Amino acid sequence: MLYLHVDIGADVSGKIGIECKFSYRRDPSREPLWYPFLDFLVREGVCLPAKRDGLLAYPGYRLIDKDAFPPPLRQMTDHLYPLYRSFFVRTLYHVKLVCKEDGELEAKAYLGINHLWKGLFDDSEPGRGRWGIIG
């Protein structure tokens, strides 16, 4: 998907941005088009190889220790634990290409974090998903 961004205030800015993302597949392991897209940005000189590699390595998940939860999440845990566990999921949300007034290109990456509950030990709908059944 592509989205056009224009800065409008008292005047219309001379720069324009294009937001690039691949539907809901924000993880490069599930959306292989991230690789050639980021390689293209490296070849065009708007992304350093180390930054590309970092973006591709960022997505993943982390199980959260329930003792570290803030109070609202801890209350939810009291209802769901031990059948569910809490995770934070890291995603590569989108890349925005900006063409500045002088024609110079700039790439900006936008990362995301989502929270989810993962079911344990069963084949329920919440127990299925990207990481399979855990436990």
Protein backbone atom coordinates (compact mmCIF):
# COMPACT_ATOMS: atom_id res chain seq x y z
CA MET A 1 0.00 0.00 0.00
CA LEU A 2 1.14 3.52 -0.68
CA TYR A 3 -0.06 6.69 1.03
CA LEU A 4 0.81 10.20 -0.09
CA HIS A 5 1.84 12.74 2.57
CA VAL A 6 1.86 16.50 1.99
CA ASP A 7 2.73 19.10 4.64
CA ILE A 8 0.09 21.84 4.70
CA GLY A 9 0.18 24.81 7.01
CA ALA A 10 0.00 28.46 6.08
CA ASP A 11 1.67 27.27 2.87
CA VAL A 12 2.02 23.91 1.14
CA SER A 13 5.48 22.48 1.75
CA GLY A 14 7.69 21.70 -1.21
CA LYS A 15 8.44 18.22 0.12
CA ILE A 16 6.30 15.15 -0.41
CA GLY A 17 6.24 11.82 1.38
CA ILE A 18 5.13 8.36 0.34
CA GLU A 19 4.31 5.86 3.09
CA CYS A 20 5.09 2.30 1.98
CA LYS A 21 3.75 -0.76 3.77
CA PHE A 22 2.67 -4.28 2.95
CA SER A 23 -0.92 -4.60 4.19
CA TYR A 24 -0.90 -6.27 7.60
CA ARG A 25 2.30 -8.24 7.07
CA ARG A 26 4.66 -6.13 9.11
CA ASP A 27 7.15 -8.89 9.85
CA PRO A 28 9.78 -9.60 7.18
CA SER A 29 9.56 -13.33 7.95
CA ARG A 30 5.92 -13.21 6.79
CA GLU A 31 6.32 -10.61 4.03
CA PRO A 32 9.35 -11.37 1.85
CA LEU A 33 8.91 -8.14 -0.16
CA TRP A 34 10.56 -6.20 2.68
CA TYR A 35 13.94 -7.62 1.63
CA PRO A 36 14.08 -6.38 -2.00
CA PHE A 37 12.41 -3.09 -1.00
CA LEU A 38 15.04 -2.34 1.66
CA ASP A 39 17.82 -3.56 -0.67
CA PHE A 40 16.55 -1.05 -3.25
CA LEU A 41 16.75 1.76 -0.67
CA VAL A 42 20.35 0.77 0.11
CA ARG A 43 21.26 0.81 -3.60
CA GLU A 44 19.67 4.25 -3.96
CA GLY A 45 21.75 5.53 -1.05
CA VAL A 46 18.84 6.45 1.23
CA CYS A 47 19.38 3.59 3.69
CA LEU A 48 22.62 2.33 5.20
CA PRO A 49 23.18 -1.46 5.05
CA ALA A 50 23.48 -1.59 8.86
CA LYS A 51 20.11 0.19 9.24
CA ARG A 52 18.48 -2.24 6.77
CA ASP A 53 19.88 -5.18 8.71
CA GLY A 54 18.64 -3.70 11.99
CA LEU A 55 15.14 -3.17 10.58
CA LEU A 56 14.99 -6.74 9.33
CA ALA A 57 16.17 -8.07 12.71
CA TYR A 58 13.83 -5.92 14.85
CA PRO A 59 10.52 -7.84 14.50
CA GLY A 60 9.85 -10.58 17.00
CA TYR A 61 8.12 -11.17 20.30
CA ARG A 62 8.86 -11.26 24.00
CA LEU A 63 7.03 -13.06 26.77
CA ILE A 64 6.32 -10.64 29.61
CA ASP A 65 7.00 -11.46 33.26
CA LYS A 66 3.67 -10.93 35.01
CA ASP A 67 5.45 -9.42 38.05
CA ALA A 68 6.49 -6.50 35.82
CA PHE A 69 2.93 -5.69 34.67
CA PRO A 70 1.32 -2.33 35.39
CA PRO A 71 -1.85 -2.61 37.56
CA PRO A 72 -4.47 -2.82 34.73
CA LEU A 73 -2.55 -5.57 32.97
CA ARG A 74 -1.98 -7.38 36.25
CA GLN A 75 -5.77 -7.40 36.88
CA MET A 76 -6.35 -8.92 33.45
CA THR A 77 -3.66 -11.49 34.19
CA ASP A 78 -5.52 -12.57 37.32
CA HIS A 79 -8.42 -13.57 35.06
CA LEU A 80 -6.41 -15.19 32.27
CA TYR A 81 -3.35 -16.71 33.94
CA PRO A 82 -2.33 -19.60 33.77
CA LEU A 83 -4.23 -20.38 30.54
CA TYR A 84 -2.83 -17.36 28.68
CA ARG A 85 0.44 -15.50 28.58
CA SER A 86 1.07 -11.86 27.69
CA PHE A 87 3.41 -10.92 24.82
CA PHE A 88 4.75 -7.81 23.21
CA VAL A 89 5.17 -8.16 19.45
CA ARG A 90 7.68 -5.93 17.64
CA THR A 91 6.79 -5.00 14.05
CA LEU A 92 8.16 -3.06 11.11
CA TYR A 93 5.12 -0.86 10.49
CA HIS A 94 6.09 1.12 7.40
CA VAL A 95 8.81 3.08 5.63
CA LYS A 96 8.21 6.63 4.49
CA LEU A 97 10.16 8.02 1.55
CA VAL A 98 10.44 11.79 1.59
CA CYS A 99 11.45 13.86 -1.42
CA LYS A 100 12.75 17.17 -0.12
CA GLU A 101 12.44 20.47 -1.95
CA ASP A 102 15.97 20.11 -3.34
CA GLY A 103 15.17 16.62 -4.73
CA GLU A 104 17.14 14.78 -2.06
CA LEU A 105 15.50 11.52 -0.91
CA GLU A 106 15.22 10.50 2.70
CA ALA A 107 13.87 7.22 4.14
CA LYS A 108 12.29 6.97 7.57
CA ALA A 109 11.32 3.70 9.25
CA TYR A 110 8.38 3.41 11.64
CA LEU A 111 8.44 0.56 14.11
CA GLY A 112 5.56 -0.73 16.19
CA ILE A 113 4.84 -2.74 19.31
CA ASN A 114 1.58 -4.62 19.87
CA HIS A 115 0.36 -6.47 22.92
CA LEU A 116 -1.39 -9.84 22.69
CA TRP A 117 -2.53 -12.72 24.84
CA LYS A 118 -1.45 -16.21 23.76
CA GLY A 119 -3.34 -19.32 24.81
CA LEU A 120 -1.50 -22.28 26.33
CA PHE A 121 -1.88 -26.04 26.07
CA ASP A 122 -4.93 -26.22 23.83
CA ASP A 123 -6.09 -25.95 20.25
CA SER A 124 -8.49 -23.05 20.85
CA GLU A 125 -8.59 -20.15 18.42
CA PRO A 126 -6.53 -17.95 20.80
CA GLY A 127 -4.09 -20.85 21.19
CA ARG A 128 -3.32 -20.93 17.47
CA GLY A 129 -1.42 -18.30 15.61
CA ARG A 130 1.90 -17.21 14.38
CA TRP A 131 3.94 -18.91 17.10
CA GLY A 132 1.76 -21.99 17.45
CA ILE A 133 0.65 -23.28 20.80
CA ILE A 134 3.09 -22.49 23.58
CA GLY A 135 3.55 -24.24 26.86
